[in-house]
Amino acid sequence: MAGSATGVPSVFPTLLYDDAKAAVKMLTEALGFTEEAVYEDEDGTVMHAELSCGNGRVMLGSKGREGVFAKAMRGSGPAGVYVTVDDIDAHHARAVEHGVEILMPPTDQDYGSRDYMARDAEGNVWSFGTYSPGTPG
């Protein structure tokens, strides 16, 4: 599978937002993502953005554009994305400081992870935890 031998992720969640610029700001400032690329058209519409967290990335753009993906996603509901972070409590505190809606505070899970859950301004659910799928337990 592409990426598996090099440690590069091979799955990239892709989300569309009514206000993609606000989403980029919230994800970077409040949830600790790093802006890797943002491509806008002449009127400032976000055509494509890539944000990283650890060795993972999420791609996002603005709703209402043309193209196969935009048309396929038209009318889609919110999505859920899980992100592995090392210090859940510090990450949660940063999100709270920036006014992010918290759905579940940091909680120890039976399977050994410590997680919390938040919702962005457009209804997407972001889960952050110490469990890393696919790694030896």
C-alpha atoms as a PDB file:
ATOM      1  CA  MET A   1       0.000   0.000   0.000  1.00  0.00           C
ATOM      2  CA  ALA A   2       1.295   3.478  -0.818  1.00  0.00           C
ATOM      3  CA  GLY A   3       2.965   5.167   2.127  1.00  0.00           C
ATOM      4  CA  SER A   4       3.044   2.118   4.390  1.00  0.00           C
ATOM      5  CA  ALA A   5       6.707   1.297   3.776  1.00  0.00           C
ATOM      6  CA  THR A   6       7.862   4.888   4.308  1.00  0.00           C
ATOM      7  CA  GLY A   7       5.722   5.734   7.321  1.00  0.00           C
ATOM      8  CA  VAL A   8       3.881   8.354   5.275  1.00  0.00           C
ATOM      9  CA  PRO A   9       0.125   8.229   5.915  1.00  0.00           C
ATOM     10  CA  SER A  10      -1.987   6.810   3.119  1.00  0.00           C
ATOM     11  CA  VAL A  11      -5.357   8.051   4.383  1.00  0.00           C
ATOM     12  CA  PHE A  12      -6.218  11.767   4.398  1.00  0.00           C
ATOM     13  CA  PRO A  13      -9.587  12.953   5.725  1.00  0.00           C
ATOM     14  CA  THR A  14     -11.023  15.622   3.430  1.00  0.00           C
ATOM     15  CA  LEU A  15     -13.643  18.092   4.622  1.00  0.00           C
ATOM     16  CA  LEU A  16     -15.537  20.942   2.980  1.00  0.00           C
ATOM     17  CA  TYR A  17     -16.575  24.034   4.942  1.00  0.00           C
ATOM     18  CA  ASP A  18     -18.891  26.975   4.321  1.00  0.00           C
ATOM     19  CA  ASP A  19     -16.108  29.111   5.854  1.00  0.00           C
ATOM     20  CA  ALA A  20     -12.863  27.264   5.135  1.00  0.00           C
ATOM     21  CA  LYS A  21     -10.721  30.227   6.236  1.00  0.00           C
ATOM     22  CA  ALA A  22     -12.339  30.133   9.695  1.00  0.00           C
ATOM     23  CA  ALA A  23     -11.828  26.358   9.813  1.00  0.00           C
ATOM     24  CA  VAL A  24      -8.110  26.738   9.049  1.00  0.00           C
ATOM     25  CA  LYS A  25      -7.805  29.374  11.769  1.00  0.00           C
ATOM     26  CA  MET A  26      -9.626  27.243  14.373  1.00  0.00           C
ATOM     27  CA  LEU A  27      -7.704  24.074  13.522  1.00  0.00           C
ATOM     28  CA  THR A  28      -4.311  25.815  13.679  1.00  0.00           C
ATOM     29  CA  GLU A  29      -4.830  28.203  16.591  1.00  0.00           C
ATOM     30  CA  ALA A  30      -7.138  26.165  18.836  1.00  0.00           C
ATOM     31  CA  LEU A  31      -6.348  22.558  17.944  1.00  0.00           C
ATOM     32  CA  GLY A  32      -2.634  22.741  17.160  1.00  0.00           C
ATOM     33  CA  PHE A  33      -2.566  21.810  13.489  1.00  0.00           C
ATOM     34  CA  THR A  34       0.176  23.261  11.276  1.00  0.00           C
ATOM     35  CA  GLU A  35      -0.775  24.986   8.031  1.00  0.00           C
ATOM     36  CA  GLU A  36       1.165  23.263   5.252  1.00  0.00           C
ATOM     37  CA  ALA A  37      -0.570  24.768   2.203  1.00  0.00           C
ATOM     38  CA  VAL A  38      -3.565  26.963   1.429  1.00  0.00           C
ATOM     39  CA  TYR A  39      -4.569  27.681  -2.159  1.00  0.00           C
ATOM     40  CA  GLU A  40      -7.197  30.344  -2.800  1.00  0.00           C
ATOM     41  CA  ASP A  41      -8.823  31.559  -5.996  1.00  0.00           C
ATOM     42  CA  GLU A  42      -9.044  35.231  -6.967  1.00  0.00           C
ATOM     43  CA  ASP A  43     -11.991  35.955  -4.661  1.00  0.00           C
ATOM     44  CA  GLY A  44     -10.373  34.314  -1.616  1.00  0.00           C
ATOM     45  CA  THR A  45     -12.279  31.017  -1.751  1.00  0.00           C
ATOM     46  CA  VAL A  46     -10.146  28.223  -0.290  1.00  0.00           C
ATOM     47  CA  MET A  47      -9.723  25.782  -3.162  1.00  0.00           C
ATOM     48  CA  HIS A  48      -7.474  23.386  -1.220  1.00  0.00           C
ATOM     49  CA  ALA A  49      -5.718  23.428   2.128  1.00  0.00           C
ATOM     50  CA  GLU A  50      -3.514  20.910   3.892  1.00  0.00           C
ATOM     51  CA  LEU A  51      -2.984  20.940   7.636  1.00  0.00           C
ATOM     52  CA  SER A  52      -0.740  18.558   9.531  1.00  0.00           C
ATOM     53  CA  CYS A  53      -0.709  17.149  13.030  1.00  0.00           C
ATOM     54  CA  GLY A  54       2.112  14.763  13.834  1.00  0.00           C
ATOM     55  CA  ASN A  55       2.667  12.682  10.706  1.00  0.00           C
ATOM     56  CA  GLY A  56      -0.991  12.959   9.623  1.00  0.00           C
ATOM     57  CA  ARG A  57      -2.725  15.486   7.428  1.00  0.00           C
ATOM     58  CA  VAL A  58      -6.233  16.656   6.777  1.00  0.00           C
ATOM     59  CA  MET A  59      -7.268  18.327   3.538  1.00  0.00           C
ATOM     60  CA  LEU A  60     -10.072  20.863   3.355  1.00  0.00           C
ATOM     61  CA  GLY A  61     -11.673  23.403   1.082  1.00  0.00           C
ATOM     62  CA  SER A  62     -14.693  25.619   0.597  1.00  0.00           C
ATOM     63  CA  LYS A  63     -18.174  24.310  -0.115  1.00  0.00           C
ATOM     64  CA  GLY A  64     -20.107  25.536  -3.135  1.00  0.00           C
ATOM     65  CA  ARG A  65     -17.420  25.103  -5.765  1.00  0.00           C
ATOM     66  CA  GLU A  66     -17.593  23.151  -8.994  1.00  0.00           C
ATOM     67  CA  GLY A  67     -15.927  19.819  -9.661  1.00  0.00           C
ATOM     68  CA  VAL A  68     -16.693  16.163  -9.075  1.00  0.00           C
ATOM     69  CA  PHE A  69     -15.645  16.072  -5.398  1.00  0.00           C
ATOM     70  CA  ALA A  70     -17.476  19.297  -4.507  1.00  0.00           C
ATOM     71  CA  LYS A  71     -20.632  18.046  -6.220  1.00  0.00           C
ATOM     72  CA  ALA A  72     -20.380  14.634  -4.538  1.00  0.00           C
ATOM     73  CA  MET A  73     -19.984  16.290  -1.125  1.00  0.00           C
ATOM     74  CA  ARG A  74     -22.822  18.781  -1.651  1.00  0.00           C
ATOM     75  CA  GLY A  75     -25.338  18.316   1.129  1.00  0.00           C
ATOM     76  CA  SER A  76     -23.148  15.915   3.089  1.00  0.00           C
ATOM     77  CA  GLY A  77     -23.358  16.014   6.846  1.00  0.00           C
ATOM     78  CA  PRO A  78     -20.620  16.496   9.396  1.00  0.00           C
ATOM     79  CA  ALA A  79     -17.717  14.067   9.603  1.00  0.00           C
ATOM     80  CA  GLY A  80     -15.698  12.663  12.466  1.00  0.00           C
ATOM     81  CA  VAL A  81     -11.898  12.698  12.533  1.00  0.00           C
ATOM     82  CA  TYR A  82      -9.629  11.043  15.113  1.00  0.00           C
ATOM     83  CA  VAL A  83      -6.187  12.540  15.807  1.00  0.00           C
ATOM     84  CA  THR A  84      -3.441  11.087  18.001  1.00  0.00           C
ATOM     85  CA  VAL A  85      -1.722  13.565  20.325  1.00  0.00           C
ATOM     86  CA  ASP A  86       0.777  13.040  23.142  1.00  0.00           C
ATOM     87  CA  ASP A  87      -0.523  15.369  25.859  1.00  0.00           C
ATOM     88  CA  ILE A  88      -4.327  15.217  25.890  1.00  0.00           C
ATOM     89  CA  ASP A  89      -4.753  17.507  28.875  1.00  0.00           C
ATOM     90  CA  ALA A  90      -2.604  20.304  27.430  1.00  0.00           C
ATOM     91  CA  HIS A  91      -4.282  19.910  24.023  1.00  0.00           C
ATOM     92  CA  HIS A  92      -7.725  20.078  25.650  1.00  0.00           C
ATOM     93  CA  ALA A  93      -6.747  23.170  27.667  1.00  0.00           C
ATOM     94  CA  ARG A  94      -5.676  24.929  24.456  1.00  0.00           C
ATOM     95  CA  ALA A  95      -8.990  24.088  22.784  1.00  0.00           C
ATOM     96  CA  VAL A  96     -10.962  25.359  25.790  1.00  0.00           C
ATOM     97  CA  GLU A  97      -8.881  28.555  25.872  1.00  0.00           C
ATOM     98  CA  HIS A  98      -9.919  29.211  22.249  1.00  0.00           C
ATOM     99  CA  GLY A  99     -13.609  28.581  22.926  1.00  0.00           C
ATOM    100  CA  VAL A 100     -13.924  25.254  21.111  1.00  0.00           C
ATOM    101  CA  GLU A 101     -17.107  23.330  21.942  1.00  0.00           C
ATOM    102  CA  ILE A 102     -16.085  20.331  24.050  1.00  0.00           C
ATOM    103  CA  LEU A 103     -18.354  17.285  23.749  1.00  0.00           C
ATOM    104  CA  MET A 104     -16.386  15.062  26.155  1.00  0.00           C
ATOM    105  CA  PRO A 105     -13.622  16.188  28.520  1.00  0.00           C
ATOM    106  CA  PRO A 106     -10.393  14.189  28.782  1.00  0.00           C
ATOM    107  CA  THR A 107     -11.448  10.698  29.787  1.00  0.00           C
ATOM    108  CA  ASP A 108      -9.456   7.517  30.457  1.00  0.00           C
ATOM    109  CA  GLN A 109     -10.779   4.683  28.280  1.00  0.00           C
ATOM    110  CA  ASP A 110     -10.920   0.971  29.173  1.00  0.00           C
ATOM    111  CA  TYR A 111      -8.569   0.156  26.268  1.00  0.00           C
ATOM    112  CA  GLY A 112      -5.804   2.385  27.661  1.00  0.00           C
ATOM    113  CA  SER A 113      -6.305   5.611  25.725  1.00  0.00           C
ATOM    114  CA  ARG A 114      -7.027   9.053  27.138  1.00  0.00           C
ATOM    115  CA  ASP A 115      -9.391  10.952  24.839  1.00  0.00           C
ATOM    116  CA  TYR A 116     -11.468  14.074  24.488  1.00  0.00           C
ATOM    117  CA  MET A 117     -13.969  15.129  21.855  1.00  0.00           C
ATOM    118  CA  ALA A 118     -14.771  18.531  20.329  1.00  0.00           C
ATOM    119  CA  ARG A 119     -17.064  19.952  17.660  1.00  0.00           C
ATOM    120  CA  ASP A 120     -16.003  22.624  15.169  1.00  0.00           C
ATOM    121  CA  ALA A 121     -18.206  25.542  14.120  1.00  0.00           C
ATOM    122  CA  GLU A 122     -19.677  23.563  11.209  1.00  0.00           C
ATOM    123  CA  GLY A 123     -20.568  20.417  13.150  1.00  0.00           C
ATOM    124  CA  ASN A 124     -17.575  18.148  12.452  1.00  0.00           C
ATOM    125  CA  VAL A 125     -16.531  16.062  15.446  1.00  0.00           C
ATOM    126  CA  TRP A 126     -12.821  15.979  16.257  1.00  0.00           C
ATOM    127  CA  SER A 127     -11.630  13.271  18.652  1.00  0.00           C
ATOM    128  CA  PHE A 128      -8.148  13.521  20.151  1.00  0.00           C
ATOM    129  CA  GLY A 129      -6.528  10.634  21.995  1.00  0.00           C
ATOM    130  CA  THR A 130      -3.370   8.822  22.944  1.00  0.00           C
ATOM    131  CA  TYR A 131      -4.389   5.580  21.194  1.00  0.00           C
ATOM    132  CA  SER A 132      -2.652   5.164  17.851  1.00  0.00           C
ATOM    133  CA  PRO A 133      -4.432   2.664  15.589  1.00  0.00           C
ATOM    134  CA  GLY A 134      -2.181   0.079  14.014  1.00  0.00           C
ATOM    135  CA  THR A 135       0.669   0.332  16.506  1.00  0.00           C
ATOM    136  CA  PRO A 136       1.675  -2.461  18.863  1.00  0.00           C
ATOM    137  CA  GLY A 137      -0.289  -2.148  22.055  1.00  0.00           C
END
